Amino acid sequence: MICPVGCDAASHLDPDHDCIIRAHGRASNDLAPSLKGGEIKDATIAEECLEVSRRLYVTGYAPKRVFCTSNINDYCERGSSRLHPSLAVDFAAASLIFAANLPWAVNEIKKP
């Protein structure tokens, strides 16, 4: 489901097979967020969010998009709340901002 801030309804999105393939590639190659045998579900969540953000960017959707997770063990550099470098490249290309907690995400959305 996706729902921009302030909306009253969400739209159900069907599974995207290309996202599933990319997620399996991440997990098979131990790439963040599936480091060292991490779960495929983390890679699937990341790939689906990246794909939605890419599609919104291409259509000219202007509002900020923020990916928020407290799972810093899989998404961030070891011992920090900085997005893992391999994910940072993908997030930047999709104009997707990363936040490791809800207050951080809200702050990112409110920034001019």
Protein backbone atom coordinates (compact mmCIF):
# COMPACT_ATOMS: atom_id res chain seq x y z
CA MET A 1 0.00 0.00 0.00
CA ILE A 2 1.09 3.56 -0.58
CA CYS A 3 -0.49 6.69 0.73
CA PRO A 4 1.02 10.18 0.57
CA VAL A 5 0.91 12.15 3.81
CA GLY A 6 -2.58 13.42 4.54
CA CYS A 7 -4.54 11.15 2.23
CA ASP A 8 -7.63 9.25 3.28
CA ALA A 9 -7.16 6.16 1.13
CA ALA A 10 -4.43 3.87 -0.10
CA SER A 11 -4.06 1.92 -3.31
CA HIS A 12 -3.14 -1.74 -3.34
CA LEU A 13 -0.14 -2.47 -5.56
CA ASP A 14 0.27 -5.82 -7.25
CA PRO A 15 3.59 -7.64 -6.85
CA ASP A 16 6.22 -6.52 -9.34
CA HIS A 17 8.20 -9.47 -10.69
CA ASP A 18 11.24 -7.34 -11.52
CA CYS A 19 11.34 -6.20 -7.87
CA ILE A 20 11.17 -9.81 -6.73
CA ILE A 21 14.06 -10.75 -9.02
CA ARG A 22 16.17 -7.80 -7.78
CA ALA A 23 15.34 -8.71 -4.16
CA HIS A 24 16.45 -12.30 -4.72
CA GLY A 25 19.65 -10.97 -6.28
CA ARG A 26 20.33 -8.87 -3.19
CA ALA A 27 19.74 -11.82 -0.88
CA SER A 28 21.76 -14.26 -3.01
CA ASN A 29 24.71 -11.87 -3.13
CA ASP A 30 24.53 -10.85 0.55
CA LEU A 31 23.86 -7.22 -0.34
CA ALA A 32 22.14 -4.80 2.04
CA PRO A 33 19.59 -5.16 3.43
CA SER A 34 20.17 -8.92 3.10
CA LEU A 35 23.68 -8.98 4.50
CA LYS A 36 25.15 -12.34 5.55
CA GLY A 37 22.10 -14.42 4.77
CA GLY A 38 19.55 -11.79 5.78
CA GLU A 39 15.94 -12.39 5.03
CA ILE A 40 14.54 -11.95 1.54
CA LYS A 41 11.65 -9.93 3.00
CA ASP A 42 13.96 -7.01 3.81
CA ALA A 43 15.31 -6.97 0.27
CA THR A 44 11.78 -7.22 -1.13
CA ILE A 45 10.58 -4.28 0.97
CA ALA A 46 13.56 -2.18 -0.14
CA GLU A 47 13.15 -3.05 -3.83
CA GLU A 48 9.41 -2.39 -3.82
CA CYS A 49 9.86 1.00 -2.14
CA LEU A 50 12.66 1.91 -4.52
CA GLU A 51 10.51 0.97 -7.52
CA VAL A 52 7.52 3.00 -6.34
CA SER A 53 9.78 5.97 -5.67
CA ARG A 54 11.41 5.64 -9.12
CA ARG A 55 8.00 5.56 -10.80
CA LEU A 56 6.78 8.56 -8.83
CA TYR A 57 9.96 10.48 -9.70
CA VAL A 58 9.56 9.75 -13.42
CA THR A 59 5.98 11.04 -13.40
CA GLY A 60 7.10 14.30 -11.79
CA TYR A 61 5.64 13.61 -8.34
CA ALA A 62 7.21 16.41 -6.32
CA PRO A 63 6.57 15.66 -2.62
CA LYS A 64 9.41 14.07 -0.68
CA ARG A 65 9.45 10.32 -0.24
CA VAL A 66 10.97 8.90 2.93
CA PHE A 67 11.79 5.28 3.72
CA CYS A 68 11.68 4.77 7.49
CA THR A 69 12.91 1.67 9.31
CA SER A 70 14.36 1.02 12.74
CA ASN A 71 16.20 -2.02 11.32
CA ILE A 72 19.61 -0.36 11.27
CA ASN A 73 21.39 -3.73 11.50
CA ASP A 74 20.35 -4.61 7.95
CA TYR A 75 19.96 -1.20 6.31
CA CYS A 76 22.83 0.82 7.80
CA GLU A 77 26.60 0.80 8.04
CA ARG A 78 27.80 -1.23 10.99
CA GLY A 79 27.48 0.71 14.23
CA SER A 80 25.73 3.75 12.75
CA SER A 81 22.39 5.02 11.50
CA ARG A 82 23.88 5.95 8.09
CA LEU A 83 22.35 4.05 5.20
CA HIS A 84 24.61 1.29 3.87
CA PRO A 85 26.64 2.67 0.91
CA SER A 86 25.20 0.22 -1.63
CA LEU A 87 21.68 1.20 -0.62
CA ALA A 88 22.58 4.90 -0.50
CA VAL A 89 23.34 4.85 -4.22
CA ASP A 90 19.99 3.21 -5.02
CA PHE A 91 18.05 5.51 -2.69
CA ALA A 92 19.64 8.63 -4.19
CA ALA A 93 18.88 7.44 -7.73
CA ALA A 94 15.23 6.99 -6.75
CA SER A 95 15.07 10.30 -4.83
CA LEU A 96 14.16 8.32 -1.73
CA ILE A 97 15.27 9.71 1.63
CA PHE A 98 16.27 7.30 4.40
CA ALA A 99 15.36 7.70 8.08
CA ALA A 100 16.05 5.28 10.94
CA ASN A 101 13.17 6.44 13.15
CA LEU A 102 9.83 8.20 12.85
CA PRO A 103 10.86 11.59 14.30
CA TRP A 104 13.75 11.68 11.80
CA ALA A 105 11.33 10.82 8.96
CA VAL A 106 8.89 13.55 9.99
CA ASN A 107 11.77 16.03 10.21
CA GLU A 108 12.89 15.09 6.67
CA ILE A 109 9.39 15.64 5.32
CA LYS A 110 9.11 19.04 7.01
CA LYS A 111 12.47 20.31 5.73
CA PRO A 112 12.10 22.94 2.98
